[in-house]
Protein backbone atom coordinates (compact mmCIF):
# COMPACT_ATOMS: atom_id res chain seq x y z
CA MET A 1 -0.26 -0.09 0.09
CA GLU A 2 1.41 3.34 -0.71
CA ILE A 3 2.48 5.41 1.80
CA ALA A 4 0.93 9.09 1.89
CA LEU A 5 4.15 11.51 2.24
CA THR A 6 3.75 14.96 0.76
CA ILE A 7 6.14 16.53 -1.55
CA ASP A 8 8.87 18.23 1.13
CA GLU A 9 8.54 14.57 2.42
CA LEU A 10 9.62 12.97 -0.63
CA ILE A 11 11.76 14.67 -1.19
CA ALA A 12 13.78 14.24 2.16
CA LEU A 13 13.27 10.75 1.55
CA ARG A 14 14.21 11.08 -1.96
CA ASP A 15 17.29 12.47 -0.59
CA GLN A 16 18.05 10.11 2.18
CA VAL A 17 17.81 6.66 -0.85
CA TRP A 18 19.20 8.42 -3.95
CA ASP A 19 22.71 6.39 -3.48
CA ASP A 20 21.32 3.39 -3.07
CA HIS A 21 17.99 3.69 -5.79
CA PRO A 22 18.11 0.69 -7.79
CA ILE A 23 18.10 3.31 -10.93
CA ILE A 24 20.98 5.39 -10.26
CA THR A 25 23.53 2.14 -8.97
CA GLU A 26 21.98 0.59 -12.39
CA ARG A 27 21.00 -2.49 -10.53
CA ALA A 28 17.13 -2.56 -11.12
CA ILE A 29 16.01 -5.76 -13.00
CA LEU A 30 13.66 -4.27 -15.70
CA PRO A 31 10.87 -6.20 -17.97
CA THR A 32 13.34 -6.34 -21.24
CA LEU A 33 12.27 -8.54 -24.00
CA ALA A 34 14.86 -10.62 -23.23
CA LEU A 35 14.35 -11.16 -19.52
CA LYS A 36 10.95 -11.79 -20.95
CA ASP A 37 12.41 -14.64 -22.97
CA VAL A 38 14.36 -16.30 -20.30
CA MET A 39 11.82 -16.31 -18.16
CA ALA A 40 9.07 -17.75 -20.19
CA ARG A 41 11.54 -20.66 -21.49
CA THR A 42 13.01 -20.89 -18.31
CA TRP A 43 9.50 -22.07 -17.07
CA ARG A 44 8.51 -24.04 -19.41
CA GLN A 45 11.31 -26.01 -19.17
CA GLY A 46 10.49 -26.59 -15.62
CA ARG A 47 7.57 -28.34 -16.67
CA LYS A 48 10.01 -31.30 -17.25
CA GLY A 49 11.34 -34.20 -15.09
CA ARG A 50 14.37 -33.11 -16.28
CA GLY A 51 15.14 -29.67 -18.67
CA SER A 52 17.76 -27.47 -19.36
CA VAL A 53 18.22 -24.25 -22.09
CA ALA A 54 21.38 -21.80 -22.62
CA PHE A 55 21.72 -18.91 -23.10
CA TYR A 56 24.45 -15.68 -24.56
CA GLY A 57 25.71 -12.80 -25.09
CA PRO A 58 28.60 -10.31 -24.91
CA PRO A 59 29.49 -8.57 -21.56
CA LEU A 60 27.16 -6.45 -20.10
CA SER A 61 24.71 -7.81 -22.18
CA GLY A 62 22.04 -8.51 -18.73
CA LYS A 63 23.08 -11.89 -18.37
CA SER A 64 23.45 -11.29 -14.38
CA SER A 65 20.41 -9.40 -14.17
CA CYS A 66 18.66 -12.30 -16.09
CA ALA A 67 20.31 -14.80 -13.70
CA ASP A 68 19.42 -12.47 -10.71
CA MET A 69 15.35 -12.05 -11.40
CA LEU A 70 15.14 -16.27 -12.00
CA VAL A 71 15.79 -16.51 -8.59
CA VAL A 72 13.08 -13.89 -7.63
CA GLU A 73 10.88 -15.57 -10.48
CA MET A 74 10.78 -19.10 -10.03
CA LYS A 75 10.79 -18.76 -6.36
CA ARG A 76 7.40 -16.82 -7.29
CA LYS A 77 6.05 -19.04 -9.35
CA LYS A 78 6.81 -22.16 -7.13
CA PRO A 79 7.53 -20.78 -3.51
CA ALA A 80 8.34 -24.38 -2.29
CA CYS A 81 10.93 -25.44 -5.14
CA GLY A 82 14.87 -24.34 -4.91
CA VAL A 83 16.73 -21.94 -6.73
CA LEU A 84 21.01 -21.91 -6.85
CA ILE A 85 23.17 -19.69 -8.84
CA PHE A 86 26.61 -21.87 -9.26
CA GLU A 87 29.22 -19.28 -10.19
CA VAL A 88 31.57 -20.77 -12.24
CA VAL A 89 35.22 -20.37 -12.24
CA GLU A 90 38.15 -21.09 -14.42
CA ASP A 91 39.67 -24.69 -13.99
CA THR A 92 42.46 -25.33 -16.45
CA HIS A 93 42.89 -29.03 -14.22
CA PRO A 94 39.48 -29.94 -13.44
CA ALA A 95 38.40 -32.43 -11.22
CA GLU A 96 35.20 -33.77 -10.14
CA GLY A 97 36.07 -33.32 -6.05
CA ARG A 98 36.90 -29.80 -6.84
CA LEU A 99 33.58 -29.33 -8.74
CA LEU A 100 31.45 -30.98 -5.90
CA SER A 101 33.58 -28.89 -3.04
CA GLU A 102 32.55 -25.50 -5.29
CA LEU A 103 29.02 -27.02 -5.24
CA LEU A 104 28.99 -27.64 -1.59
CA ASN A 105 30.64 -23.84 -1.00
CA GLN A 106 27.77 -22.44 -2.96
CA ILE A 107 25.22 -24.00 -1.30
CA ALA A 108 26.79 -22.90 2.00
CA TYR A 109 26.90 -26.74 3.16
CA ALA A 110 27.98 -26.10 6.69
CA PRO A 111 28.82 -29.31 7.86
CA ARG A 112 32.73 -30.41 7.30
CA ILE A 113 33.00 -31.68 3.56
CA ALA A 114 34.29 -35.19 2.86
CA ARG A 115 37.75 -35.90 1.70
CA ASP A 116 36.74 -38.87 -0.34
CA LEU A 117 35.04 -38.98 -3.77
CA ALA A 118 32.26 -40.96 -2.68
CA GLY A 119 31.82 -39.27 0.31
CA LYS A 120 31.51 -35.43 -1.74
CA ARG A 121 28.92 -37.30 -3.78
CA THR A 122 26.99 -38.11 -1.08
CA GLN A 123 26.86 -34.60 0.75
CA VAL A 124 26.06 -32.93 -2.28
CA HIS A 125 23.14 -34.87 -3.10
CA ARG A 126 21.96 -34.48 -0.32
CA ALA A 127 22.17 -30.79 0.02
CA LEU A 128 20.64 -30.63 -3.35
CA LEU A 129 17.75 -33.18 -2.39
CA ALA A 130 17.09 -30.73 0.42
CA LEU A 131 17.57 -27.63 -1.34
CA SER A 132 14.65 -28.75 -3.80
CA GLY A 133 12.28 -28.22 -0.71
CA GLU A 134 8.60 -28.79 -0.79
CA ALA A 135 8.36 -28.69 -4.33
CA ARG A 136 10.69 -31.03 -4.98
CA HIS A 137 11.92 -29.18 -8.17
CA LEU A 138 15.63 -27.48 -8.35
CA PHE A 139 16.18 -24.58 -10.31
CA LEU A 140 20.41 -24.85 -11.20
CA ILE A 141 21.67 -21.83 -12.48
CA PHE A 142 25.05 -21.63 -14.02
CA ASP A 143 26.93 -18.25 -14.68
CA GLU A 144 30.05 -17.71 -17.19
CA ALA A 145 29.31 -21.66 -18.38
CA GLN A 146 31.61 -21.38 -21.07
CA GLU A 147 33.51 -22.21 -18.51
CA LEU A 148 32.55 -25.48 -17.83
CA SER A 149 34.37 -28.63 -19.10
CA SER A 150 33.29 -31.38 -20.84
CA GLY A 151 34.10 -33.44 -17.37
CA GLU A 152 32.42 -31.16 -15.31
CA PHE A 153 29.69 -31.59 -17.61
CA ALA A 154 29.47 -35.24 -18.06
CA TRP A 155 30.02 -34.88 -13.57
CA LEU A 156 26.75 -32.72 -13.10
CA LYS A 157 24.46 -34.60 -15.76
CA SER A 158 25.60 -38.06 -12.64
CA VAL A 159 24.47 -35.78 -10.42
CA ILE A 160 21.59 -34.59 -11.67
CA ASN A 161 20.26 -37.91 -12.80
CA ARG A 162 20.66 -39.36 -9.11
CA LEU A 163 18.22 -36.53 -8.11
CA VAL A 164 15.88 -37.12 -10.90
CA ARG A 165 15.98 -40.93 -9.76
CA ASP A 166 14.42 -39.71 -6.09
CA ARG A 167 11.84 -38.19 -8.26
CA VAL A 168 13.27 -34.25 -7.92
CA LYS A 169 12.59 -32.06 -11.27
CA VAL A 170 15.88 -31.02 -12.05
CA THR A 171 15.58 -27.61 -14.17
CA VAL A 172 19.36 -26.54 -15.90
CA VAL A 173 19.92 -22.52 -16.96
CA LEU A 174 23.05 -21.91 -18.25
CA PHE A 175 24.50 -18.73 -19.08
CA GLY A 176 27.63 -17.76 -20.79
CA GLN A 177 29.77 -15.19 -23.28
CA VAL A 178 29.84 -16.05 -26.73
CA GLU A 179 32.63 -18.37 -26.38
CA LEU A 180 29.68 -20.67 -25.16
CA ILE A 181 29.06 -21.19 -28.62
CA GLU A 182 32.62 -22.80 -29.20
CA ARG A 183 31.67 -24.89 -26.22
CA ARG A 184 28.71 -26.10 -27.34
CA ARG A 185 30.88 -27.35 -30.79
CA ARG A 186 33.22 -29.04 -28.84
CA LEU A 187 30.79 -30.89 -25.93
CA ARG A 188 29.01 -32.41 -29.55
CA ASP A 189 32.29 -33.54 -30.97
CA ALA A 190 33.37 -34.78 -27.23
CA ARG A 191 29.95 -36.04 -26.30
CA SER A 192 26.77 -35.93 -28.33
CA ASP A 193 24.68 -36.71 -25.04
CA LEU A 194 26.20 -34.25 -23.00
CA GLU A 195 25.80 -31.30 -25.63
CA LYS A 196 21.86 -32.65 -25.85
CA ARG A 197 21.58 -32.89 -22.45
CA PHE A 198 22.84 -29.21 -21.54
CA MET A 199 22.18 -27.34 -24.62
CA SER A 200 20.04 -28.45 -27.41
CA THR A 201 18.80 -25.38 -26.74
CA LEU A 202 20.91 -21.80 -27.39
CA ILE A 203 19.27 -18.51 -27.31
CA GLU A 204 21.31 -15.61 -27.81
CA LEU A 205 20.57 -12.48 -25.05
CA LEU A 206 20.23 -9.58 -27.20
CA GLY A 207 19.53 -6.05 -25.58
CA ILE A 208 17.26 -3.18 -26.74
CA ARG A 209 16.85 -3.06 -30.23
CA ASN A 210 14.00 -0.53 -30.74
CA ALA A 211 11.81 1.94 -29.07
CA GLY A 212 9.35 -0.54 -28.70
CA GLU A 213 11.51 -2.73 -26.52
CA LEU A 214 12.50 0.26 -24.58
CA LYS A 215 9.26 1.18 -23.47
CA PRO A 216 8.30 -1.29 -21.56
CA VAL A 217 11.24 -0.85 -19.38
CA LEU A 218 10.84 3.25 -19.19
CA GLU A 219 6.66 2.20 -18.27
CA ALA A 220 8.29 -0.30 -15.19
CA ILE A 221 9.71 2.87 -14.33
CA ASP A 222 7.42 5.00 -14.46
CA THR A 223 4.16 2.78 -13.07
CA GLY A 224 5.18 -0.54 -12.61
CA SER A 225 8.16 -0.82 -9.50
CA GLU A 226 8.79 -0.12 -6.13
CA PHE A 227 11.41 1.39 -3.91
CA PRO A 228 11.87 1.23 -0.89
CA ALA A 229 10.28 -2.22 -0.87
CA GLY A 230 6.85 -1.90 0.96
CA SER A 231 6.65 2.15 0.07
CA GLY A 232 4.39 1.49 -3.21
CA LEU A 233 5.95 4.49 -4.66
CA THR A 234 7.81 4.11 -8.40
CA TYR A 235 11.00 4.52 -9.08
CA LEU A 236 10.27 7.98 -10.78
CA GLN A 237 7.66 8.57 -8.07
CA LEU A 238 10.44 9.20 -5.42
CA LEU A 239 12.95 9.76 -7.90
CA MET A 240 10.74 12.90 -9.70
CA PRO A 241 8.68 13.36 -7.30
CA ARG A 242 7.18 17.08 -8.82
CA PHE A 243 7.61 16.01 -12.13
CA TYR A 244 5.69 12.96 -11.58
CA LEU A 245 2.93 14.74 -9.21
CA GLY A 246 2.02 16.78 -12.59
CA GLY A 247 2.08 14.02 -15.07
CA GLY A 248 5.62 13.27 -15.92
CA ARG A 249 6.30 9.98 -17.06
CA LEU A 250 9.44 8.67 -18.89
CA GLN A 251 7.59 6.12 -21.42
CA HIS A 252 6.18 9.69 -22.91
CA HIS A 253 9.42 10.26 -24.15
CA CYS A 254 10.53 6.75 -25.37
CA GLU A 255 10.95 7.68 -29.30
CA PRO A 256 13.20 10.83 -28.25
CA ILE A 257 15.17 8.98 -25.51
CA TRP A 258 15.74 5.77 -28.16
CA GLY A 259 17.08 8.25 -30.66
CA GLN A 260 19.91 9.14 -27.86
CA LEU A 261 20.54 5.51 -27.09
CA LYS A 262 20.57 3.90 -30.43
CA ARG A 263 24.12 5.96 -30.82
CA TYR A 264 25.56 3.66 -27.88
CA ALA A 265 24.93 0.44 -30.26
CA LEU A 266 27.23 -2.48 -29.93
CA PRO A 267 29.55 -2.66 -33.07
CA GLY A 268 28.29 -4.72 -35.93
CA ALA A 269 25.38 -5.13 -34.15
CA ARG A 270 22.51 -2.70 -36.09
CA THR A 271 20.87 -1.14 -33.43
CA VAL A 272 20.75 -3.32 -30.62
CA VAL A 273 22.12 -1.42 -27.28
CA ALA A 274 23.24 -3.24 -24.24
CA MET A 275 21.96 -3.40 -21.33
CA SER A 276 24.79 -2.13 -19.25
CA ASN A 277 24.57 0.86 -21.69
CA VAL A 278 20.23 1.27 -21.76
CA ALA A 279 21.28 0.81 -17.50
CA GLY A 280 23.81 3.18 -17.38
CA PHE A 281 21.74 6.23 -19.59
CA LEU A 282 19.01 6.11 -17.51
CA ALA A 283 20.76 6.43 -14.06
CA ASN A 284 22.57 9.24 -15.76
CA LEU A 285 18.99 10.83 -17.07
CA LEU A 286 17.60 10.74 -14.00
CA ILE A 287 20.84 12.64 -12.29
CA VAL A 288 20.39 15.49 -14.77
CA LEU A 289 17.20 15.36 -14.65
CA ARG A 290 16.72 15.47 -10.46
CA PRO A 291 18.05 19.22 -10.18
CA LEU A 292 15.20 20.29 -12.98
CA ASP A 293 12.91 18.09 -11.18
CA ASP A 294 8.82 20.19 -11.75
CA SER A 295 5.82 19.90 -12.21
CA GLU A 296 5.81 21.29 -15.73
CA LEU A 297 9.36 20.08 -17.07
CA LYS A 298 9.49 19.24 -20.67
CA ILE A 299 12.03 16.57 -20.98
CA THR A 300 13.44 18.74 -23.85
CA PRO A 301 15.79 17.15 -27.19
CA GLU A 302 18.37 19.73 -25.30
CA ILE A 303 18.14 18.18 -22.56
CA LEU A 304 18.96 14.83 -23.64
CA GLN A 305 21.93 15.30 -25.22
CA ARG A 306 23.33 16.24 -22.14
CA VAL A 307 23.12 12.75 -20.80
CA PRO A 308 26.36 10.12 -20.95
CA CYS A 309 25.69 6.99 -21.42
CA ASP A 310 29.00 5.93 -19.11
């Protein structure tokens, strides 16, 4: 429920939380077309007893935001399920024991980790079984998945097979750099069963491609967001209270904002703008607009030209 605050109180609150605001810190999770696609594909895979989907993109294309939002969304859709984000690190000499130990570390496994391989396998199985919750459904999200070797995929397959035999649904989601394409090819050459298991579906993550895709992002800032939690205040309402009260909305300026944003299109990607650039531009836009906050404010091309992207 929205808290009834005066303009002066809103401005005081804005000043208090400005530096921690998701838009200003560029940590807001916004409803991009790519994010919606990730959610839909993951949920479809989640209907299966054992499903997998993989996504790739260049650095700063929004993979981490998608992974973070998956945790929230899958928990929302299926509150009793378990979700784990596993951050893969490069290992020049991969070993099953190290992978299992790292899984236990990232689960925050409290007991002492066994030294022998059989003990670690049992501990990982029991920990993941417990994490799957009452729903008996586990979403395993791997970030920087291009760093996984063929051997590590084989070991993960064994972990997952054991869970499935115990009637746990397991949904694997891989996020990686463009090198994930090459990893898929090598996996196919080495173990076609692993390629089919983990990367039969490999989707490119794209940023914003046009004003039509930008508009839902601006609408979310205007009316479909909240900060601080429980306040009922949308991002724009708090950051620009006078402008908002006067009926001002960023979505009304979608075309000129996109006109500025598309200057930062990725090289060779036509008009695809990386999510890092979108987040940076929107943060700087609100920083530029802050001293101009007024119910009569017009966001002109001259104002937009003053907004840096980094």
